[in-house]
N, C-alpha and C. Protein backbone atom coordinates (compact mmCIF):
# COMPACT_ATOMS: atom_id res chain seq x y z
N UNK A 1 -78.51 298.90 -79.76
CA UNK A 1 -77.85 297.78 -79.58
C UNK A 1 -76.23 298.68 -79.06
N UNK A 2 -75.89 298.34 -78.24
CA UNK A 2 -74.46 298.43 -77.25
C UNK A 2 -73.36 298.15 -78.15
N UNK A 3 -72.69 298.73 -78.37
CA UNK A 3 -71.38 298.50 -79.03
C UNK A 3 -70.03 297.95 -77.74
N UNK A 4 -69.78 297.20 -78.32
CA UNK A 4 -68.58 296.55 -76.96
C UNK A 4 -67.52 297.46 -76.55
N UNK A 5 -66.75 298.31 -77.58
CA UNK A 5 -65.66 298.74 -77.27
C UNK A 5 -66.15 300.02 -76.57
N UNK A 6 -67.46 300.59 -76.52
CA UNK A 6 -67.46 301.83 -75.87
C UNK A 6 -68.05 301.29 -74.59
N UNK A 7 -68.70 300.44 -74.18
CA UNK A 7 -69.14 299.48 -73.20
C UNK A 7 -68.32 299.24 -72.35
N UNK A 8 -67.02 298.57 -73.14
CA UNK A 8 -65.82 298.08 -72.14
C UNK A 8 -65.17 299.16 -71.28
N UNK A 9 -65.12 300.27 -71.98
CA UNK A 9 -64.11 301.29 -71.65
C UNK A 9 -64.90 302.17 -70.87
N UNK A 10 -66.09 302.02 -70.68
CA UNK A 10 -66.99 302.90 -69.66
C UNK A 10 -66.82 301.87 -68.08
N UNK A 11 -67.02 300.43 -68.45
CA UNK A 11 -66.66 299.24 -67.65
C UNK A 11 -65.63 299.42 -66.65
N UNK A 12 -64.39 299.78 -67.81
CA UNK A 12 -62.85 299.76 -67.15
C UNK A 12 -62.74 301.16 -66.33
N UNK A 13 -63.29 302.10 -66.89
CA UNK A 13 -63.29 303.52 -66.31
C UNK A 13 -64.11 303.57 -64.78
N UNK A 14 -65.01 302.67 -64.95
CA UNK A 14 -65.93 303.11 -63.38
C UNK A 14 -65.14 302.22 -62.82
N UNK A 15 -64.40 300.90 -63.22
CA UNK A 15 -63.92 300.23 -62.34
C UNK A 15 -62.48 300.89 -61.62
N UNK A 16 -62.02 301.69 -62.41
CA UNK A 16 -60.76 302.31 -61.96
C UNK A 16 -61.17 303.51 -61.04
N UNK A 17 -62.39 304.03 -61.35
CA UNK A 17 -63.10 305.15 -60.02
C UNK A 17 -63.12 304.54 -58.71
N UNK A 18 -64.14 303.26 -58.75
CA UNK A 18 -64.29 302.63 -57.29
C UNK A 18 -62.81 302.20 -56.65
N UNK A 19 -62.14 301.70 -57.55
CA UNK A 19 -60.91 301.40 -56.99
C UNK A 19 -59.87 302.62 -56.57
N UNK A 20 -59.93 303.57 -56.69
CA UNK A 20 -59.11 304.67 -56.55
C UNK A 20 -60.01 305.84 -55.04
N UNK A 21 -61.15 305.59 -55.26
CA UNK A 21 -62.24 306.56 -54.28
C UNK A 21 -62.50 305.56 -53.06
N UNK A 22 -62.57 304.16 -53.38
CA UNK A 22 -63.25 303.21 -52.22
C UNK A 22 -62.01 303.23 -51.31
N UNK A 23 -61.97 303.67 -49.82
CA UNK A 23 -61.09 303.48 -48.89
C UNK A 23 -60.36 302.29 -48.57
N UNK A 24 -59.57 301.74 -48.33
CA UNK A 24 -59.05 300.63 -47.92
C UNK A 24 -59.32 300.65 -46.36
N UNK A 25 -59.66 299.63 -46.12
CA UNK A 25 -59.73 299.22 -44.72
C UNK A 25 -58.68 298.28 -43.84
N UNK A 26 -58.03 299.44 -43.14
CA UNK A 26 -56.62 298.81 -42.44
C UNK A 26 -57.41 297.88 -41.22
N UNK A 27 -56.49 296.71 -40.98
CA UNK A 27 -57.03 295.83 -40.08
C UNK A 27 -56.16 296.74 -38.72
N UNK A 28 -57.38 296.27 -37.62
CA UNK A 28 -57.10 296.62 -36.25
C UNK A 28 -55.71 296.30 -35.70
N UNK A 29 -54.74 296.55 -35.26
CA UNK A 29 -53.72 295.98 -34.83
C UNK A 29 -54.43 295.37 -33.32
N UNK A 30 -53.91 293.88 -33.28
CA UNK A 30 -54.57 292.99 -32.32
C UNK A 30 -53.90 293.34 -30.76
N UNK A 31 -53.68 294.36 -30.57
CA UNK A 31 -52.84 294.66 -29.25
C UNK A 31 -53.09 296.75 -28.83
N UNK A 32 -52.97 296.78 -27.77
CA UNK A 32 -53.26 298.34 -27.62
C UNK A 32 -52.24 298.43 -26.18
N UNK A 33 -51.90 299.67 -26.08
CA UNK A 33 -51.55 300.12 -24.81
C UNK A 33 -51.25 301.92 -24.58
N UNK A 34 -51.42 301.74 -23.42
CA UNK A 34 -51.58 303.21 -22.93
C UNK A 34 -50.28 303.45 -21.98
N UNK A 35 -50.11 304.79 -22.16
CA UNK A 35 -48.98 305.53 -21.58
C UNK A 35 -48.95 306.54 -20.50
N UNK A 36 -49.02 306.63 -19.39
CA UNK A 36 -48.83 307.89 -18.03
C UNK A 36 -47.82 308.18 -17.93
N UNK A 37 -47.44 309.22 -17.46
CA UNK A 37 -48.43 310.43 -17.45
C UNK A 37 -48.52 310.51 -18.63
N UNK A 38 -49.75 311.43 -19.41
CA UNK A 38 -49.77 311.75 -20.53
C UNK A 38 -49.17 313.54 -20.68
N UNK A 39 -48.71 314.05 -19.44
CA UNK A 39 -48.53 315.42 -19.14
C UNK A 39 -47.18 315.43 -18.25
N UNK A 40 -46.54 316.14 -18.70
CA UNK A 40 -45.30 315.92 -17.23
C UNK A 40 -44.08 317.00 -17.81
N UNK A 41 -43.50 317.45 -16.51
CA UNK A 41 -42.31 318.79 -17.09
C UNK A 41 -41.19 318.24 -15.91
N UNK A 42 -40.42 318.61 -16.14
CA UNK A 42 -39.02 318.72 -15.24
C UNK A 42 -37.93 319.61 -16.00
N UNK A 43 -36.70 319.41 -15.38
CA UNK A 43 -35.51 320.45 -16.06
C UNK A 43 -34.69 319.49 -16.61
N UNK A 44 -33.57 319.49 -17.56
CA UNK A 44 -32.47 318.94 -17.94
C UNK A 44 -31.81 317.87 -16.55
N UNK A 45 -31.92 316.80 -16.87
CA UNK A 45 -31.08 315.78 -15.65
C UNK A 45 -32.22 315.32 -14.61
N UNK A 46 -33.25 316.07 -14.88
CA UNK A 46 -34.68 315.27 -14.31
C UNK A 46 -35.04 314.03 -14.81
N UNK A 47 -35.26 312.94 -13.81
CA UNK A 47 -35.94 311.84 -14.32
C UNK A 47 -37.62 312.19 -14.61
N UNK A 48 -38.64 311.44 -15.15
CA UNK A 48 -39.68 310.77 -15.29
C UNK A 48 -40.04 309.70 -15.80
N UNK A 49 -40.96 309.00 -14.74
CA UNK A 49 -40.99 307.61 -15.27
C UNK A 49 -42.32 307.46 -15.56
N UNK A 50 -42.45 306.81 -16.83
CA UNK A 50 -43.99 306.38 -17.73
C UNK A 50 -44.14 305.12 -17.38
N UNK A 51 -45.26 304.89 -17.12
CA UNK A 51 -45.99 303.50 -16.81
C UNK A 51 -46.66 303.53 -18.25
N UNK A 52 -46.30 302.02 -18.71
CA UNK A 52 -46.59 301.74 -20.01
C UNK A 52 -47.69 299.71 -19.53
N UNK A 53 -48.86 300.27 -20.02
CA UNK A 53 -49.74 299.17 -19.96
C UNK A 53 -50.26 298.56 -21.25
N UNK A 54 -50.16 297.24 -21.38
CA UNK A 54 -50.25 296.57 -22.34
C UNK A 54 -51.28 295.84 -22.47
N UNK A 55 -52.51 295.74 -23.58
CA UNK A 55 -53.32 294.67 -23.38
C UNK A 55 -53.33 294.22 -24.82
N UNK A 56 -53.65 292.90 -25.12
CA UNK A 56 -53.72 292.46 -26.34
C UNK A 56 -55.06 291.23 -26.87
N UNK A 57 -55.72 291.08 -28.32
CA UNK A 57 -56.61 290.04 -28.28
C UNK A 57 -56.30 289.05 -27.62
N UNK A 58 -57.15 287.92 -27.45
CA UNK A 58 -57.17 286.73 -26.69
C UNK A 58 -55.74 285.64 -27.93
N UNK A 59 -54.79 285.38 -27.42
CA UNK A 59 -54.02 284.65 -28.15
C UNK A 59 -52.82 285.19 -29.09
N UNK A 60 -52.82 286.51 -28.67
CA UNK A 60 -51.71 287.36 -29.28
C UNK A 60 -50.39 287.42 -28.21
N UNK A 61 -49.07 286.90 -28.68
CA UNK A 61 -48.28 286.85 -28.04
C UNK A 61 -47.15 287.30 -28.16
N UNK A 62 -47.26 288.00 -29.76
CA UNK A 62 -46.28 288.28 -30.14
C UNK A 62 -45.18 289.40 -29.68
N UNK A 63 -44.16 289.63 -29.87
CA UNK A 63 -43.04 290.59 -29.10
C UNK A 63 -43.68 292.16 -29.53
N UNK A 64 -43.62 292.79 -28.76
CA UNK A 64 -43.96 294.72 -29.42
C UNK A 64 -42.69 295.45 -28.93
N UNK A 65 -41.95 295.69 -30.07
CA UNK A 65 -40.95 296.76 -29.72
C UNK A 65 -41.33 298.51 -29.53
N UNK A 66 -41.07 298.85 -28.73
CA UNK A 66 -41.56 300.07 -28.38
C UNK A 66 -40.22 301.19 -28.21
N UNK A 67 -40.69 302.48 -28.68
CA UNK A 67 -39.63 303.66 -28.78
C UNK A 67 -40.36 305.18 -28.60
N UNK A 68 -39.53 305.92 -28.26
CA UNK A 68 -39.99 306.99 -27.99
C UNK A 68 -39.39 308.01 -28.74
N UNK A 69 -39.69 309.06 -29.50
CA UNK A 69 -39.11 310.04 -29.93
C UNK A 69 -39.74 311.85 -29.08
N UNK A 70 -38.94 312.26 -29.07
CA UNK A 70 -38.83 313.61 -28.12
C UNK A 70 -38.39 314.91 -29.22
N UNK A 71 -39.32 315.70 -29.52
CA UNK A 71 -39.08 316.92 -30.51
C UNK A 71 -39.39 318.03 -30.02
N UNK A 72 -38.82 319.15 -30.67
CA UNK A 72 -39.31 320.06 -30.35
C UNK A 72 -38.47 321.38 -31.18
N UNK A 73 -38.80 322.01 -31.92
CA UNK A 73 -38.15 323.43 -32.11
C UNK A 73 -36.87 322.80 -32.84
N UNK A 74 -36.71 321.76 -33.94
CA UNK A 74 -35.22 321.73 -34.38
C UNK A 74 -34.92 320.22 -33.59
N UNK A 75 -35.01 320.42 -32.32
CA UNK A 75 -34.63 319.52 -31.39
C UNK A 75 -35.29 317.81 -31.68
N UNK A 76 -34.50 316.41 -32.28
CA UNK A 76 -35.34 315.56 -32.00
C UNK A 76 -34.32 314.41 -31.36
N UNK A 77 -34.75 313.69 -30.77
CA UNK A 77 -34.30 312.20 -30.03
C UNK A 77 -35.01 311.20 -29.81
N UNK A 78 -34.24 309.75 -30.62
CA UNK A 78 -35.14 308.88 -30.20
C UNK A 78 -34.65 307.78 -29.33
N UNK A 79 -35.52 306.90 -28.36
CA UNK A 79 -35.14 306.28 -27.27
C UNK A 79 -35.71 305.02 -27.48
N UNK A 80 -34.79 304.09 -27.34
CA UNK A 80 -35.39 302.66 -27.37
C UNK A 80 -35.98 302.34 -25.94
N UNK A 81 -37.24 301.97 -25.83
CA UNK A 81 -37.85 301.64 -24.64
C UNK A 81 -37.62 300.11 -24.29
N UNK A 82 -37.26 299.38 -25.48
CA UNK A 82 -37.45 297.94 -25.07
C UNK A 82 -38.44 297.19 -25.95
N UNK A 83 -38.70 295.76 -26.00
CA UNK A 83 -39.26 294.79 -26.26
C UNK A 83 -40.15 293.97 -25.13
N UNK A 84 -41.12 293.87 -25.79
CA UNK A 84 -42.08 292.83 -24.56
C UNK A 84 -42.62 292.47 -24.94
N UNK A 85 -42.91 291.14 -24.72
CA UNK A 85 -43.25 289.70 -24.76
C UNK A 85 -44.21 289.47 -24.47
N UNK A 86 -45.82 288.88 -25.04
CA UNK A 86 -46.61 288.09 -24.40
C UNK A 86 -46.19 287.26 -23.35
N UNK A 87 -47.24 286.44 -22.48
CA UNK A 87 -48.49 286.86 -22.75
C UNK A 87 -49.11 288.22 -22.09
N UNK A 88 -49.94 288.63 -22.60
CA UNK A 88 -50.42 290.22 -22.25
C UNK A 88 -51.97 290.01 -21.16
N UNK A 89 -52.47 290.96 -20.74
CA UNK A 89 -51.72 292.07 -20.34
C UNK A 89 -50.62 291.89 -19.45
N UNK A 90 -49.81 293.10 -19.82
CA UNK A 90 -48.52 293.29 -18.95
C UNK A 90 -48.78 294.86 -18.78
N UNK A 91 -47.45 295.03 -17.52
CA UNK A 91 -47.33 296.66 -17.67
C UNK A 91 -45.65 296.68 -17.23
N UNK A 92 -45.41 297.82 -17.70
CA UNK A 92 -43.87 298.17 -17.01
C UNK A 92 -43.63 299.55 -16.97
N UNK A 93 -42.63 299.64 -16.58
CA UNK A 93 -42.15 301.44 -16.66
C UNK A 93 -40.96 301.55 -17.36
N UNK A 94 -40.89 303.01 -17.58
CA UNK A 94 -39.19 303.45 -18.42
C UNK A 94 -39.19 304.90 -17.82
N UNK A 95 -37.87 304.93 -17.12
CA UNK A 95 -37.65 305.78 -16.79
C UNK A 95 -36.70 306.68 -17.73
N UNK A 96 -37.36 308.09 -18.07
CA UNK A 96 -36.73 309.24 -19.09
C UNK A 96 -35.76 309.87 -17.92
N UNK A 97 -34.55 310.02 -18.63
CA UNK A 97 -33.62 311.03 -17.89
C UNK A 97 -34.14 312.31 -18.82
N UNK A 98 -34.30 313.07 -18.53
CA UNK A 98 -34.28 314.71 -19.81
C UNK A 98 -33.28 314.94 -20.14
N UNK A 99 -32.54 314.88 -21.51
CA UNK A 99 -31.08 315.14 -22.16
C UNK A 99 -30.63 316.65 -21.67
N UNK A 100 -29.65 316.59 -20.76
CA UNK A 100 -28.80 317.96 -21.06
C UNK A 100 -28.81 318.82 -21.75
N UNK A 101 -28.99 318.88 -22.95
CA UNK A 101 -28.92 319.84 -24.55
C UNK A 101 -29.98 319.82 -25.17
N UNK A 102 -31.21 319.54 -24.05
CA UNK A 102 -32.43 319.70 -24.75
C UNK A 102 -32.89 321.14 -24.37
N UNK A 103 -33.68 321.97 -25.31
CA UNK A 103 -33.70 323.27 -25.29
C UNK A 103 -34.90 323.24 -24.26
N UNK A 104 -34.56 324.65 -23.49
CA UNK A 104 -35.60 324.35 -22.21
C UNK A 104 -36.46 325.96 -22.35
N UNK A 105 -37.75 325.50 -21.52
CA UNK A 105 -38.55 326.95 -21.61
C UNK A 105 -39.35 326.34 -22.85
N UNK A 106 -39.24 325.33 -23.16
CA UNK A 106 -40.19 324.82 -24.90
C UNK A 106 -41.50 323.54 -23.67
N UNK A 107 -41.93 323.17 -24.57
CA UNK A 107 -42.84 322.01 -24.48
C UNK A 107 -43.09 321.16 -25.76
N UNK A 108 -42.29 319.58 -25.24
CA UNK A 108 -41.81 319.45 -26.30
C UNK A 108 -42.97 317.88 -26.60
N UNK A 109 -43.07 317.93 -27.76
CA UNK A 109 -43.79 316.59 -28.38
C UNK A 109 -43.23 315.04 -28.38
N UNK A 110 -43.89 314.32 -27.39
CA UNK A 110 -43.45 312.93 -27.22
C UNK A 110 -44.31 312.07 -27.60
N UNK A 111 -43.63 311.19 -28.95
CA UNK A 111 -44.50 309.84 -29.15
C UNK A 111 -43.96 308.38 -29.03
N UNK A 112 -44.88 307.78 -28.38
CA UNK A 112 -44.50 306.37 -28.34
C UNK A 112 -44.90 305.28 -29.05
N UNK A 113 -44.10 304.87 -29.69
CA UNK A 113 -44.46 303.98 -30.95
C UNK A 113 -44.29 302.22 -30.52
N UNK A 114 -45.57 301.57 -30.82
CA UNK A 114 -45.27 300.35 -30.24
C UNK A 114 -45.77 299.36 -31.58
N UNK A 115 -44.63 298.58 -32.26
CA UNK A 115 -44.52 297.86 -33.00
C UNK A 115 -44.52 296.64 -33.01
N UNK A 116 -45.37 295.79 -33.88
CA UNK A 116 -45.29 294.38 -33.89
C UNK A 116 -45.86 294.01 -35.30
N UNK A 117 -44.59 293.07 -36.05
CA UNK A 117 -44.85 292.76 -37.48
C UNK A 117 -45.59 294.20 -37.96
N UNK A 118 -46.21 293.84 -38.92
CA UNK A 118 -46.79 295.17 -39.99
C UNK A 118 -47.78 295.89 -38.93
N UNK A 119 -47.38 295.85 -37.55
CA UNK A 119 -48.93 297.13 -37.17
C UNK A 119 -48.11 297.96 -36.37
N UNK A 120 -48.52 299.61 -36.12
CA UNK A 120 -48.09 300.06 -35.23
C UNK A 120 -49.16 301.32 -34.77
N UNK A 121 -48.81 301.55 -33.34
CA UNK A 121 -49.84 301.91 -32.49
C UNK A 121 -49.14 302.91 -32.19
N UNK A 122 -49.57 304.14 -31.79
CA UNK A 122 -48.67 305.38 -31.39
C UNK A 122 -49.98 306.08 -30.07
N UNK A 123 -49.29 306.55 -29.36
CA UNK A 123 -49.36 307.56 -28.32
C UNK A 123 -48.96 308.92 -28.29
N UNK A 124 -49.47 310.13 -28.32
CA UNK A 124 -48.89 311.46 -28.46
C UNK A 124 -48.68 311.91 -26.47
N UNK A 125 -48.06 312.19 -26.07
CA UNK A 125 -47.63 313.09 -24.65
C UNK A 125 -47.03 314.34 -25.22
N UNK A 126 -46.96 315.01 -23.85
CA UNK A 126 -46.38 316.55 -23.69
C UNK A 126 -45.11 316.25 -22.78
N UNK A 127 -44.27 316.97 -22.76
CA UNK A 127 -43.05 317.16 -21.85
C UNK A 127 -42.75 318.36 -22.05
N UNK A 128 -43.35 319.23 -20.71
CA UNK A 128 -42.47 320.38 -20.72
C UNK A 128 -40.91 320.77 -20.19
N UNK A 129 -40.18 321.39 -20.92
CA UNK A 129 -38.84 321.72 -20.00
C UNK A 129 -38.92 322.69 -19.68
N UNK A 130 -38.40 322.67 -18.45
CA UNK A 130 -38.23 324.00 -17.38
C UNK A 130 -36.90 324.20 -17.66
N UNK A 131 -36.74 325.49 -17.67
CA UNK A 131 -35.32 325.96 -17.43
C UNK A 131 -35.14 327.29 -16.21
N UNK A 132 -34.41 328.13 -16.03
CA UNK A 132 -34.45 328.59 -14.60
C UNK A 132 -35.80 329.42 -14.38
N UNK A 133 -36.52 329.50 -15.07
CA UNK A 133 -37.97 330.41 -14.80
C UNK A 133 -37.60 331.92 -15.22
N UNK A 134 -38.98 332.41 -14.72
CA UNK A 134 -38.93 333.97 -15.07
C UNK A 134 -39.72 334.18 -16.11
N UNK A 135 -39.76 335.41 -16.53
CA UNK A 135 -40.77 335.92 -17.47
C UNK A 135 -40.26 335.63 -18.92
N UNK A 136 -38.79 335.54 -18.96
CA UNK A 136 -38.37 335.42 -20.39
C UNK A 136 -38.93 334.15 -20.92
N UNK A 137 -38.54 333.13 -19.65
CA UNK A 137 -38.85 331.69 -19.91
C UNK A 137 -40.13 331.29 -20.41
N UNK A 138 -41.29 332.28 -19.52
CA UNK A 138 -42.73 332.30 -19.81
C UNK A 138 -43.42 332.64 -20.96
N UNK A 139 -42.47 333.78 -21.82
CA UNK A 139 -42.84 334.30 -22.73
C UNK A 139 -42.04 333.10 -24.02
N UNK A 140 -40.89 332.66 -23.78
CA UNK A 140 -40.14 331.66 -24.88
C UNK A 140 -41.52 330.59 -24.89
N UNK A 141 -42.10 330.08 -23.70
CA UNK A 141 -42.63 328.88 -23.76
C UNK A 141 -44.18 328.95 -24.55
N UNK A 142 -44.79 330.15 -24.33
CA UNK A 142 -45.77 330.66 -25.09
C UNK A 142 -45.59 330.66 -26.44
N UNK A 143 -44.54 331.20 -26.79
CA UNK A 143 -44.22 331.58 -28.38
C UNK A 143 -43.81 329.80 -28.83
N UNK A 144 -42.78 329.32 -28.44
CA UNK A 144 -42.50 328.06 -28.75
C UNK A 144 -43.91 327.06 -28.94
N UNK A 145 -44.78 327.17 -28.06
CA UNK A 145 -45.88 326.31 -27.75
C UNK A 145 -46.90 326.39 -28.83
N UNK A 146 -46.93 328.18 -29.53
CA UNK A 146 -47.66 328.17 -30.70
C UNK A 146 -47.43 328.00 -31.65
N UNK A 147 -45.28 328.11 -31.97
CA UNK A 147 -45.24 327.74 -33.17
C UNK A 147 -45.23 325.81 -33.48
N UNK A 148 -45.01 325.43 -32.40
CA UNK A 148 -45.22 323.93 -32.54
C UNK A 148 -46.86 323.72 -33.15
N UNK A 149 -47.61 324.28 -32.62
CA UNK A 149 -48.86 323.98 -32.98
C UNK A 149 -49.43 324.47 -34.44
N UNK A 150 -48.54 325.76 -35.01
CA UNK A 150 -48.60 326.10 -36.11
C UNK A 150 -48.18 325.00 -37.20
N UNK A 151 -46.70 324.53 -36.38
CA UNK A 151 -45.90 323.45 -37.54
C UNK A 151 -46.87 322.19 -37.67
N UNK A 152 -47.68 322.08 -36.28
CA UNK A 152 -48.27 320.48 -36.41
C UNK A 152 -49.77 320.71 -37.36
N UNK A 153 -50.10 321.57 -37.55
CA UNK A 153 -51.48 322.00 -38.10
C UNK A 153 -50.78 322.13 -39.82
N UNK A 154 -49.64 322.72 -40.01
CA UNK A 154 -49.58 322.87 -41.28
C UNK A 154 -49.25 321.62 -41.47
N UNK A 155 -48.65 320.85 -40.87
CA UNK A 155 -47.78 319.40 -41.51
C UNK A 155 -49.49 318.41 -41.61
N UNK A 156 -50.53 318.88 -40.95
CA UNK A 156 -51.40 317.97 -40.85
C UNK A 156 -52.51 318.09 -42.05
N UNK A 157 -52.33 319.60 -42.56
CA UNK A 157 -53.05 319.81 -43.45
C UNK A 157 -52.58 319.78 -44.94
N UNK A 158 -51.13 319.36 -44.90
CA UNK A 158 -50.41 319.19 -46.14
C UNK A 158 -49.96 317.55 -46.19
N UNK A 159 -50.91 316.65 -45.09
CA UNK A 159 -50.38 315.31 -45.22
C UNK A 159 -49.26 314.78 -44.92
N UNK A 160 -48.35 315.61 -44.25
CA UNK A 160 -47.23 314.94 -43.32
C UNK A 160 -47.71 314.95 -41.79
N UNK A 161 -46.59 314.47 -41.11
CA UNK A 161 -46.76 313.83 -39.92
C UNK A 161 -46.55 315.05 -38.84
């Protein structure tokens, strides 16, 4: 005959394991967006026009707040792209002026964030910041891209962003 004490402890232990091991399924956001171009290049002071296309599930009309984060080698800047409201689908443009104080000869990581309520959708882009050119800039660009790739992989492996 089973004893209640050990049996109850085993049930509680197994329940705890199942709760910890079984992944939580997140609800998919009721909207999606795409941004183009996914890769661009320019010099400080140049402008890049990004095109944003937003689609949503039927009935979704909530506002979506868009931001852009540009980062590379210790440089980071956030831009507010604006709030877009339904009905969807809809399209818009955002003209980014490359800041004068951004490092040149590097490829930056650009992340577009679209937030609505508790949902967050993201798209990654690349932006190459050109300088005066020449072999030194080419070497610097290759080294910087390599360092950024290594840092991104380390962050991914350690659970960072």
